Protein backbone atom coordinates (compact mmCIF):
# COMPACT_ATOMS: atom_id res chain seq x y z
CA MET A 1 98.92 106.19 111.43
CA ASP A 2 97.84 109.10 113.62
CA ALA A 3 97.67 112.80 113.23
CA MET A 4 100.92 113.37 115.15
CA THR A 5 102.85 111.58 112.30
CA LEU A 6 101.45 113.85 109.63
CA SER A 7 103.51 116.81 108.42
CA GLU A 8 102.25 120.28 109.07
CA ALA A 9 101.56 120.71 105.30
CA ALA A 10 99.31 117.56 105.28
CA LYS A 11 97.32 118.56 108.38
CA THR A 12 96.85 121.97 106.68
CA ARG A 13 95.56 120.49 103.55
CA ILE A 14 93.27 118.06 105.31
CA CYS A 15 91.67 120.93 107.32
CA THR A 16 91.25 122.80 104.04
CA TRP A 17 89.47 119.90 102.56
CA LEU A 18 87.43 119.49 105.65
CA ALA A 19 86.35 123.17 105.54
CA ALA A 20 85.48 122.73 101.85
CA GLU A 21 83.22 119.86 102.80
CA GLN A 22 81.73 122.07 105.72
CA VAL A 23 83.01 119.60 108.27
CA ASP A 24 84.74 120.98 111.48
CA SER A 25 88.54 120.51 111.58
CA SER A 26 88.20 118.21 114.64
CA TYR A 27 87.40 115.47 112.14
CA LEU A 28 91.12 115.43 111.21
CA ALA A 29 91.66 112.42 113.57
CA PHE A 30 88.75 110.61 111.74
CA VAL A 31 90.31 111.18 108.38
CA VAL A 32 93.68 109.92 109.52
CA ARG A 33 92.29 106.98 111.33
CA HIS A 34 90.47 105.92 108.17
CA LEU A 35 93.30 106.42 105.69
CA GLN A 36 94.35 102.74 106.28
CA ALA A 37 90.95 101.34 106.98
CA GLU A 38 89.29 99.13 104.33
CA ASP A 39 86.58 101.31 102.69
CA SER A 40 84.09 98.53 102.98
CA THR A 41 84.38 98.63 106.84
CA TRP A 42 83.10 102.17 107.21
CA ARG A 43 82.17 103.95 103.93
CA TRP A 44 78.46 103.57 103.80
CA CYS A 45 75.70 106.26 104.23
CA CYS A 46 72.55 105.33 106.11
CA GLY A 47 70.48 108.11 104.76
CA SER A 48 69.66 109.54 108.17
CA ASN A 49 71.04 112.97 107.30
CA CYS A 50 73.90 112.39 109.85
CA ASP A 51 76.16 115.63 110.27
CA PRO A 52 78.72 115.00 108.90
CA CYS A 53 77.78 112.40 106.45
CA VAL A 54 80.22 109.72 105.89
CA GLN A 55 80.21 110.57 102.25
CA ARG A 56 81.55 114.03 102.96
CA LEU A 57 84.35 112.63 105.17
CA GLY A 58 85.10 109.89 102.50
CA ARG A 59 85.74 112.64 99.94
CA VAL A 60 88.38 114.04 102.37
CA VAL A 61 89.77 110.58 103.07
CA ASP A 62 90.10 110.13 99.30
CA GLN A 63 91.79 113.65 98.78
CA THR A 64 94.25 112.84 101.58
CA ARG A 65 95.18 109.33 100.26
CA GLN A 66 95.86 110.92 96.80
CA PHE A 67 97.97 113.67 98.33
CA LEU A 68 99.95 111.23 100.43
CA GLY A 69 100.23 108.75 97.54
CA GLN A 70 98.67 106.06 99.52
CA PRO A 71 96.08 103.79 97.91
CA PRO A 72 93.12 102.52 99.71
CA PRO A 73 93.89 99.23 101.47
CA VAL A 74 92.38 96.11 99.81
CA GLY A 75 91.29 93.33 102.02
C-alpha cells in the first residue's frame, strides 16, 4: 500500500493524528508503509530520544489500522 491508494479522508485523518503526536505530516508515507509491516520488524524504541520516536509513529499506525479496519499482520 502507498499513500496514493488512500482516500483523501484517510490522508486527512492520518495527518491529524500525526499533528496530535507533534510529528510532521511528511511522515504520512512512513505510516502507510508500516501498515502492512509486521510490528516486530520496526516497532522498538532505542531510547536515544529520536525525533520523532517510533513510539509516537506507532500510535499513528495503530489509529490508522483501526480506522481502515486493518489488523496488524502476524508473521
